[in-house]
Amino acid sequence: MQPTGLSLDGGTLQLLPGGATLEQLTAALNDVITRLNSQLQTQVYSDTQNQRMLIGYQQNGWGVGKNFGIKISIEGKDVRTATDDELLFSMSVDAWTWRNSSGQITKQFQAQTGTDSYYDSATRNYVNIGLRPSTNTDGFEMAKPGSDLGNAPI
């Protein structure tokens, strides 16, 4: 039961008065801890046989220190344990990745640079929109068929 005298209900936390009691301080600290813990929620959806979609928290689920995002696994794979190449879609805060049913990357979006990168079936990077890797400037870049932008002449 929360001590009386200070309500912490609602969308924002109230400031504590200068002469707050120990009970008020404890209630405020516990509310902060509860709110932080509630942010570590995960929702997992399944088809009839496997957990296929994860939204929310998974410790290091999108790389070391990347704990929040969305994942969708390929058919027959558990999204909670799937490797990157077993995911159809993976979205962390800084990078979104789409793959085909064979696990090959088809598109990536890098939030930091706003860059879309497209890949062919051989997973060659053939189009970048945004930050161009060859010149480190913004724009549009496309490799000739069969070439990778990392190896394409400018």
N, C-alpha and C. Protein backbone atom coordinates (compact mmCIF):
# COMPACT_ATOMS: atom_id res chain seq x y z
N MET A 1 0.84 -1.18 0.00
CA MET A 1 0.00 0.00 0.00
C MET A 1 0.89 1.24 0.00
N GLN A 2 0.55 2.20 -0.88
CA GLN A 2 1.33 3.43 -0.99
C GLN A 2 0.98 4.37 0.16
N PRO A 3 1.98 4.97 0.80
CA PRO A 3 1.69 5.92 1.88
C PRO A 3 0.86 7.09 1.37
N THR A 4 0.06 7.65 2.26
CA THR A 4 -0.77 8.79 1.88
C THR A 4 0.06 10.06 1.87
N GLY A 5 -0.46 11.09 1.18
CA GLY A 5 0.18 12.39 1.19
C GLY A 5 0.84 12.76 -0.12
N LEU A 6 1.10 11.81 -1.04
CA LEU A 6 1.73 12.13 -2.31
C LEU A 6 1.26 11.12 -3.36
N SER A 7 0.54 11.60 -4.35
CA SER A 7 0.05 10.73 -5.39
C SER A 7 1.03 10.70 -6.56
N LEU A 8 1.36 9.52 -7.02
CA LEU A 8 2.25 9.39 -8.18
C LEU A 8 1.51 8.80 -9.38
N ASP A 9 0.21 8.88 -9.38
CA ASP A 9 -0.58 8.39 -10.51
C ASP A 9 -0.51 9.38 -11.66
N GLY A 10 -0.76 8.90 -12.87
CA GLY A 10 -0.81 9.79 -14.02
C GLY A 10 0.38 9.61 -14.93
N GLY A 11 0.47 10.48 -15.91
CA GLY A 11 1.49 10.36 -16.94
C GLY A 11 2.85 10.89 -16.54
N THR A 12 2.93 11.70 -15.50
CA THR A 12 4.23 12.23 -15.10
C THR A 12 4.42 12.04 -13.60
N LEU A 13 5.65 12.03 -13.19
CA LEU A 13 5.95 11.93 -11.77
C LEU A 13 5.92 13.32 -11.15
N GLN A 14 5.38 13.40 -9.97
CA GLN A 14 5.36 14.67 -9.25
C GLN A 14 6.69 14.85 -8.53
N LEU A 15 7.09 16.11 -8.38
CA LEU A 15 8.30 16.40 -7.60
C LEU A 15 8.00 16.20 -6.12
N LEU A 16 8.99 15.76 -5.40
CA LEU A 16 8.84 15.58 -3.96
C LEU A 16 9.10 16.92 -3.26
N PRO A 17 8.36 17.19 -2.21
CA PRO A 17 8.64 18.41 -1.45
C PRO A 17 9.96 18.28 -0.70
N GLY A 18 10.56 19.42 -0.36
CA GLY A 18 11.84 19.43 0.34
C GLY A 18 11.84 18.64 1.63
N GLY A 19 10.75 18.63 2.35
CA GLY A 19 10.68 17.91 3.61
C GLY A 19 9.96 16.58 3.49
N ALA A 20 10.17 15.87 2.36
CA ALA A 20 9.46 14.61 2.13
C ALA A 20 9.81 13.59 3.20
N THR A 21 8.81 12.82 3.58
CA THR A 21 9.02 11.78 4.58
C THR A 21 9.72 10.58 3.96
N LEU A 22 10.24 9.72 4.80
CA LEU A 22 10.87 8.49 4.32
C LEU A 22 9.87 7.66 3.51
N GLU A 23 8.61 7.63 3.96
CA GLU A 23 7.58 6.88 3.24
C GLU A 23 7.35 7.48 1.85
N GLN A 24 7.33 8.81 1.74
CA GLN A 24 7.14 9.46 0.45
C GLN A 24 8.33 9.19 -0.47
N LEU A 25 9.54 9.26 0.07
CA LEU A 25 10.74 8.97 -0.73
C LEU A 25 10.72 7.52 -1.22
N THR A 26 10.37 6.60 -0.34
CA THR A 26 10.30 5.18 -0.71
C THR A 26 9.25 4.96 -1.79
N ALA A 27 8.07 5.56 -1.62
CA ALA A 27 7.00 5.41 -2.61
C ALA A 27 7.44 5.97 -3.96
N ALA A 28 8.10 7.13 -3.96
CA ALA A 28 8.56 7.75 -5.22
C ALA A 28 9.60 6.87 -5.90
N LEU A 29 10.57 6.39 -5.15
CA LEU A 29 11.62 5.55 -5.71
C LEU A 29 11.03 4.24 -6.25
N ASN A 30 10.11 3.62 -5.50
CA ASN A 30 9.47 2.39 -5.97
C ASN A 30 8.66 2.64 -7.24
N ASP A 31 8.02 3.80 -7.35
CA ASP A 31 7.26 4.11 -8.57
C ASP A 31 8.20 4.24 -9.76
N VAL A 32 9.34 4.89 -9.57
CA VAL A 32 10.32 5.01 -10.65
C VAL A 32 10.80 3.63 -11.08
N ILE A 33 11.11 2.77 -10.12
CA ILE A 33 11.57 1.42 -10.43
C ILE A 33 10.49 0.64 -11.17
N THR A 34 9.24 0.74 -10.72
CA THR A 34 8.12 0.06 -11.39
C THR A 34 7.97 0.54 -12.82
N ARG A 35 8.05 1.85 -13.03
CA ARG A 35 7.91 2.40 -14.38
C ARG A 35 9.06 1.94 -15.28
N LEU A 36 10.28 1.90 -14.77
CA LEU A 36 11.41 1.42 -15.57
C LEU A 36 11.25 -0.06 -15.89
N ASN A 37 10.86 -0.85 -14.91
CA ASN A 37 10.66 -2.28 -15.16
C ASN A 37 9.56 -2.53 -16.18
N SER A 38 8.53 -1.71 -16.18
CA SER A 38 7.42 -1.90 -17.12
C SER A 38 7.85 -1.61 -18.55
N GLN A 39 8.96 -0.89 -18.73
CA GLN A 39 9.47 -0.65 -20.07
C GLN A 39 10.18 -1.87 -20.64
N LEU A 40 10.50 -2.83 -19.81
CA LEU A 40 11.21 -4.02 -20.25
C LEU A 40 10.22 -5.13 -20.60
N GLN A 41 9.15 -4.78 -21.27
CA GLN A 41 8.12 -5.74 -21.63
C GLN A 41 8.38 -6.33 -23.01
N THR A 42 7.93 -7.53 -23.20
CA THR A 42 8.06 -8.22 -24.48
C THR A 42 6.72 -8.85 -24.83
N GLN A 43 6.34 -8.71 -26.08
CA GLN A 43 5.15 -9.40 -26.58
C GLN A 43 5.62 -10.33 -27.69
N VAL A 44 5.27 -11.59 -27.60
CA VAL A 44 5.67 -12.58 -28.60
C VAL A 44 4.41 -13.19 -29.20
N TYR A 45 4.38 -13.25 -30.52
CA TYR A 45 3.24 -13.82 -31.23
C TYR A 45 3.67 -15.09 -31.95
N SER A 46 2.74 -16.03 -32.07
CA SER A 46 3.10 -17.29 -32.70
C SER A 46 2.13 -17.65 -33.80
N ASP A 47 2.63 -18.50 -34.72
CA ASP A 47 1.73 -19.16 -35.65
C ASP A 47 1.27 -20.42 -34.90
N THR A 48 0.79 -21.40 -35.56
CA THR A 48 0.28 -22.57 -34.84
C THR A 48 1.39 -23.45 -34.26
N GLN A 49 2.66 -23.22 -34.69
CA GLN A 49 3.73 -24.10 -34.24
C GLN A 49 4.91 -23.40 -33.59
N ASN A 50 5.21 -22.16 -33.95
CA ASN A 50 6.40 -21.48 -33.46
C ASN A 50 6.12 -20.05 -33.02
N GLN A 51 6.96 -19.57 -32.09
CA GLN A 51 6.96 -18.15 -31.74
C GLN A 51 7.61 -17.44 -32.93
N ARG A 52 6.88 -16.54 -33.61
CA ARG A 52 7.38 -15.97 -34.86
C ARG A 52 7.65 -14.47 -34.84
N MET A 53 7.02 -13.73 -33.92
CA MET A 53 7.18 -12.27 -33.91
C MET A 53 7.42 -11.80 -32.48
N LEU A 54 8.44 -10.97 -32.30
CA LEU A 54 8.77 -10.44 -31.00
C LEU A 54 8.77 -8.91 -31.09
N ILE A 55 8.08 -8.28 -30.18
CA ILE A 55 8.05 -6.82 -30.10
C ILE A 55 8.44 -6.43 -28.68
N GLY A 56 9.43 -5.57 -28.55
CA GLY A 56 9.79 -5.08 -27.22
C GLY A 56 11.20 -5.40 -26.82
N TYR A 57 11.35 -5.94 -25.63
CA TYR A 57 12.65 -6.13 -24.99
C TYR A 57 13.17 -7.55 -25.17
N GLN A 58 14.43 -7.65 -25.58
CA GLN A 58 15.18 -8.90 -25.53
C GLN A 58 16.64 -8.50 -25.32
N GLN A 59 17.22 -8.89 -24.21
CA GLN A 59 18.58 -8.46 -23.90
C GLN A 59 19.53 -8.84 -25.02
N ASN A 60 20.22 -7.85 -25.56
CA ASN A 60 21.17 -8.01 -26.67
C ASN A 60 20.53 -8.66 -27.90
N GLY A 61 19.23 -8.53 -28.04
CA GLY A 61 18.51 -9.17 -29.15
C GLY A 61 18.83 -8.63 -30.52
N TRP A 62 19.40 -7.43 -30.60
CA TRP A 62 19.74 -6.81 -31.87
C TRP A 62 21.21 -6.43 -31.91
N GLY A 63 22.02 -7.12 -31.13
CA GLY A 63 23.44 -6.83 -31.00
C GLY A 63 23.74 -6.43 -29.56
N VAL A 64 24.99 -6.41 -29.21
CA VAL A 64 25.40 -6.10 -27.83
C VAL A 64 24.91 -4.70 -27.46
N GLY A 65 24.16 -4.64 -26.38
CA GLY A 65 23.63 -3.37 -25.89
C GLY A 65 22.40 -2.87 -26.63
N LYS A 66 21.90 -3.62 -27.58
CA LYS A 66 20.71 -3.25 -28.35
C LYS A 66 19.58 -4.17 -27.90
N ASN A 67 18.71 -3.66 -27.02
CA ASN A 67 17.75 -4.51 -26.32
C ASN A 67 16.30 -4.32 -26.73
N PHE A 68 16.00 -3.38 -27.61
CA PHE A 68 14.60 -3.12 -27.96
C PHE A 68 14.42 -3.12 -29.47
N GLY A 69 13.30 -3.68 -29.93
CA GLY A 69 13.01 -3.68 -31.35
C GLY A 69 11.88 -4.62 -31.70
N ILE A 70 11.86 -4.98 -32.98
CA ILE A 70 10.87 -5.91 -33.53
C ILE A 70 11.62 -6.93 -34.37
N LYS A 71 11.19 -8.19 -34.27
CA LYS A 71 11.77 -9.27 -35.08
C LYS A 71 10.65 -10.15 -35.60
N ILE A 72 10.81 -10.67 -36.81
CA ILE A 72 9.91 -11.68 -37.36
C ILE A 72 10.78 -12.78 -37.95
N SER A 73 10.57 -14.01 -37.52
CA SER A 73 11.40 -15.12 -37.99
C SER A 73 10.80 -15.78 -39.23
N ILE A 74 11.66 -16.50 -39.94
CA ILE A 74 11.16 -17.28 -41.07
C ILE A 74 10.33 -18.45 -40.52
N GLU A 75 9.53 -19.02 -41.37
CA GLU A 75 8.65 -20.11 -40.95
C GLU A 75 9.46 -21.26 -40.36
N GLY A 76 9.00 -21.78 -39.23
CA GLY A 76 9.65 -22.92 -38.59
C GLY A 76 10.74 -22.55 -37.61
N LYS A 77 11.02 -21.26 -37.44
CA LYS A 77 12.08 -20.82 -36.51
C LYS A 77 11.48 -20.04 -35.36
N ASP A 78 11.96 -20.30 -34.16
CA ASP A 78 11.54 -19.57 -32.97
C ASP A 78 12.24 -18.21 -32.97
N VAL A 79 11.47 -17.14 -32.98
CA VAL A 79 12.03 -15.79 -33.08
C VAL A 79 12.94 -15.46 -31.89
N ARG A 80 12.70 -16.09 -30.75
CA ARG A 80 13.49 -15.78 -29.55
C ARG A 80 14.92 -16.32 -29.64
N THR A 81 15.14 -17.35 -30.48
CA THR A 81 16.47 -17.94 -30.60
C THR A 81 17.02 -17.90 -32.02
N ALA A 82 16.27 -17.34 -32.96
CA ALA A 82 16.68 -17.30 -34.36
C ALA A 82 17.94 -16.47 -34.56
N THR A 83 18.80 -16.95 -35.45
CA THR A 83 19.98 -16.16 -35.84
C THR A 83 19.52 -15.07 -36.80
N ASP A 84 20.40 -14.11 -37.09
CA ASP A 84 20.04 -13.02 -37.99
C ASP A 84 19.55 -13.52 -39.34
N ASP A 85 20.21 -14.55 -39.88
CA ASP A 85 19.80 -15.04 -41.20
C ASP A 85 18.55 -15.92 -41.15
N GLU A 86 17.98 -16.10 -39.96
CA GLU A 86 16.70 -16.81 -39.83
C GLU A 86 15.54 -15.84 -39.56
N LEU A 87 15.81 -14.56 -39.74
CA LEU A 87 14.78 -13.54 -39.54
C LEU A 87 14.35 -12.96 -40.88
N LEU A 88 13.04 -12.78 -41.05
CA LEU A 88 12.54 -12.08 -42.23
C LEU A 88 12.71 -10.57 -42.05
N PHE A 89 12.54 -10.11 -40.82
CA PHE A 89 12.62 -8.67 -40.53
C PHE A 89 13.21 -8.48 -39.15
N SER A 90 14.04 -7.47 -39.03
CA SER A 90 14.64 -7.12 -37.75
C SER A 90 14.75 -5.61 -37.68
N MET A 91 14.18 -5.01 -36.66
CA MET A 91 14.23 -3.56 -36.51
C MET A 91 14.69 -3.23 -35.11
N SER A 92 15.89 -2.66 -35.01
CA SER A 92 16.34 -2.12 -33.75
C SER A 92 16.16 -0.61 -33.82
N VAL A 93 16.57 0.07 -32.81
CA VAL A 93 16.43 1.53 -32.81
C VAL A 93 17.24 2.15 -33.94
N ASP A 94 18.38 1.58 -34.29
CA ASP A 94 19.25 2.22 -35.28
C ASP A 94 19.33 1.54 -36.64
N ALA A 95 18.83 0.32 -36.77
CA ALA A 95 18.94 -0.37 -38.05
C ALA A 95 17.74 -1.29 -38.28
N TRP A 96 17.22 -1.24 -39.51
CA TRP A 96 16.13 -2.12 -39.90
C TRP A 96 16.66 -3.01 -41.01
N THR A 97 16.38 -4.31 -40.94
CA THR A 97 16.88 -5.26 -41.93
C THR A 97 15.76 -6.17 -42.41
N TRP A 98 15.64 -6.30 -43.75
CA TRP A 98 14.70 -7.22 -44.36
C TRP A 98 15.49 -8.34 -45.02
N ARG A 99 15.00 -9.58 -44.91
CA ARG A 99 15.65 -10.73 -45.53
C ARG A 99 14.60 -11.53 -46.31
N ASN A 100 15.06 -12.29 -47.29
CA ASN A 100 14.14 -13.19 -47.99
C ASN A 100 14.02 -14.50 -47.21
N SER A 101 13.21 -15.43 -47.69
CA SER A 101 12.97 -16.66 -46.95
C SER A 101 14.21 -17.55 -46.86
N SER A 102 15.24 -17.25 -47.64
CA SER A 102 16.50 -17.98 -47.56
C SER A 102 17.49 -17.34 -46.60
N GLY A 103 17.09 -16.23 -45.98
CA GLY A 103 17.95 -15.56 -45.02
C GLY A 103 18.88 -14.52 -45.62
N GLN A 104 18.77 -14.25 -46.92
CA GLN A 104 19.63 -13.27 -47.56
C GLN A 104 19.06 -11.86 -47.37
N ILE A 105 19.92 -10.91 -47.06
CA ILE A 105 19.49 -9.53 -46.87
C ILE A 105 18.98 -8.98 -48.20
N THR A 106 17.81 -8.35 -48.17
CA THR A 106 17.28 -7.69 -49.37
C THR A 106 17.28 -6.17 -49.23
N LYS A 107 17.18 -5.67 -47.99
CA LYS A 107 17.18 -4.23 -47.77
C LYS A 107 17.62 -3.94 -46.35
N GLN A 108 18.34 -2.82 -46.16
CA GLN A 108 18.69 -2.35 -44.83
C GLN A 108 18.48 -0.85 -44.78
N PHE A 109 18.05 -0.37 -43.62
CA PHE A 109 17.91 1.06 -43.38
C PHE A 109 18.72 1.41 -42.15
N GLN A 110 19.60 2.38 -42.26
CA GLN A 110 20.42 2.86 -41.15
C GLN A 110 19.85 4.19 -40.68
N ALA A 111 19.29 4.22 -39.47
CA ALA A 111 18.64 5.42 -38.97
C ALA A 111 19.62 6.58 -38.78
N GLN A 112 20.83 6.31 -38.35
CA GLN A 112 21.79 7.37 -38.06
C GLN A 112 22.10 8.20 -39.30
N THR A 113 22.21 7.55 -40.45
CA THR A 113 22.54 8.28 -41.68
C THR A 113 21.33 8.45 -42.59
N GLY A 114 20.22 7.78 -42.29
CA GLY A 114 19.05 7.83 -43.15
C GLY A 114 19.26 7.11 -44.46
N THR A 115 20.12 6.12 -44.48
CA THR A 115 20.50 5.43 -45.71
C THR A 115 19.71 4.14 -45.90
N ASP A 116 19.13 4.00 -47.10
CA ASP A 116 18.51 2.74 -47.54
C ASP A 116 19.51 2.03 -48.42
N SER A 117 19.77 0.75 -48.16
CA SER A 117 20.65 -0.05 -49.00
C SER A 117 19.85 -1.25 -49.49
N TYR A 118 19.94 -1.54 -50.78
CA TYR A 118 19.22 -2.65 -51.40
C TYR A 118 20.23 -3.68 -51.89
N TYR A 119 19.84 -4.96 -51.78
CA TYR A 119 20.73 -6.07 -52.12
C TYR A 119 20.03 -6.99 -53.10
N ASP A 120 20.80 -7.59 -54.03
CA ASP A 120 20.23 -8.57 -54.96
C ASP A 120 20.28 -9.96 -54.34
N SER A 121 19.88 -10.96 -55.08
CA SER A 121 19.80 -12.32 -54.52
C SER A 121 21.17 -12.88 -54.15
N ALA A 122 22.23 -12.31 -54.69
CA ALA A 122 23.57 -12.73 -54.31
C ALA A 122 24.09 -11.89 -53.14
N THR A 123 23.20 -11.12 -52.53
CA THR A 123 23.47 -10.20 -51.42
C THR A 123 24.57 -9.20 -51.74
N ARG A 124 24.59 -8.75 -53.00
CA ARG A 124 25.47 -7.65 -53.37
C ARG A 124 24.71 -6.36 -53.14
N ASN A 125 25.36 -5.39 -52.52
CA ASN A 125 24.77 -4.09 -52.29
C ASN A 125 24.80 -3.34 -53.62
N TYR A 126 23.63 -3.18 -54.26
CA TYR A 126 23.62 -2.56 -55.58
C TYR A 126 22.99 -1.17 -55.61
N VAL A 127 22.27 -0.76 -54.57
CA VAL A 127 21.69 0.58 -54.53
C VAL A 127 21.80 1.13 -53.11
N ASN A 128 22.23 2.37 -53.00
CA ASN A 128 22.20 3.12 -51.74
C ASN A 128 21.49 4.44 -52.01
N ILE A 129 20.56 4.77 -51.13
CA ILE A 129 19.91 6.07 -51.17
C ILE A 129 20.18 6.70 -49.82
N GLY A 130 20.87 7.81 -49.81
CA GLY A 130 21.27 8.45 -48.56
C GLY A 130 22.77 8.62 -48.56
N LEU A 131 23.42 8.16 -47.51
CA LEU A 131 24.87 8.27 -47.42
C LEU A 131 25.52 7.28 -48.39
N ARG A 132 26.31 7.79 -49.32
CA ARG A 132 26.96 6.94 -50.32
C ARG A 132 28.31 6.48 -49.79
N PRO A 133 28.55 5.16 -49.76
CA PRO A 133 29.80 4.66 -49.18
C PRO A 133 31.04 5.08 -49.97
N SER A 134 30.91 5.32 -51.26
CA SER A 134 32.10 5.63 -52.07
C SER A 134 32.63 7.03 -51.81
N THR A 135 31.75 7.97 -51.50
CA THR A 135 32.19 9.37 -51.34
C THR A 135 31.87 9.95 -49.98
N ASN A 136 31.15 9.20 -49.15
CA ASN A 136 30.72 9.67 -47.83
C ASN A 136 29.90 10.96 -47.92
N THR A 137 29.13 11.07 -49.00
CA THR A 137 28.22 12.20 -49.18
C THR A 137 26.81 11.65 -49.39
N ASP A 138 25.82 12.51 -49.23
CA ASP A 138 24.44 12.08 -49.45
C ASP A 138 24.11 12.07 -50.93
N GLY A 139 23.25 11.13 -51.32
CA GLY A 139 22.83 11.06 -52.72
C GLY A 139 22.29 9.68 -53.06
N PHE A 140 22.35 9.36 -54.33
CA PHE A 140 21.86 8.08 -54.85
C PHE A 140 23.02 7.42 -55.57
N GLU A 141 23.19 6.13 -55.34
CA GLU A 141 24.29 5.40 -55.95
C GLU A 141 23.79 4.02 -56.35
N MET A 142 24.13 3.61 -57.58
CA MET A 142 23.70 2.30 -58.07
C MET A 142 24.85 1.64 -58.82
N ALA A 143 25.09 0.37 -58.53
CA ALA A 143 26.14 -0.38 -59.22
C ALA A 143 25.58 -1.00 -60.49
N LYS A 144 26.46 -1.26 -61.44
CA LYS A 144 26.00 -1.95 -62.65
C LYS A 144 25.65 -3.40 -62.28
N PRO A 145 24.83 -4.09 -63.08
CA PRO A 145 24.42 -5.46 -62.75
C PRO A 145 25.62 -6.36 -62.46
N GLY A 146 25.50 -7.12 -61.37
CA GLY A 146 26.55 -8.04 -60.98
C GLY A 146 27.66 -7.45 -60.15
N SER A 147 27.63 -6.12 -59.95
CA SER A 147 28.67 -5.45 -59.17
C SER A 147 28.13 -5.07 -57.79
N ASP A 148 29.05 -4.91 -56.87
CA ASP A 148 28.74 -4.46 -55.52
C ASP A 148 29.19 -3.01 -55.41
N LEU A 149 28.43 -2.19 -54.71
CA LEU A 149 28.81 -0.79 -54.56
C LEU A 149 30.17 -0.63 -53.91
N GLY A 150 30.53 -1.55 -53.05
CA GLY A 150 31.84 -1.48 -52.43
C GLY A 150 32.98 -1.69 -53.42
N ASN A 151 32.68 -2.34 -54.56
CA ASN A 151 33.71 -2.62 -55.56
C ASN A 151 33.45 -1.92 -56.88
N ALA A 152 32.35 -1.17 -56.97
CA ALA A 152 31.99 -0.53 -58.23
C ALA A 152 32.84 0.72 -58.46
N PRO A 153 33.31 0.94 -59.68
CA PRO A 153 34.03 2.17 -59.97
C PRO A 153 33.07 3.35 -59.94
N ILE A 154 33.58 4.52 -59.60
CA ILE A 154 32.74 5.73 -59.52
C ILE A 154 32.70 6.40 -60.87
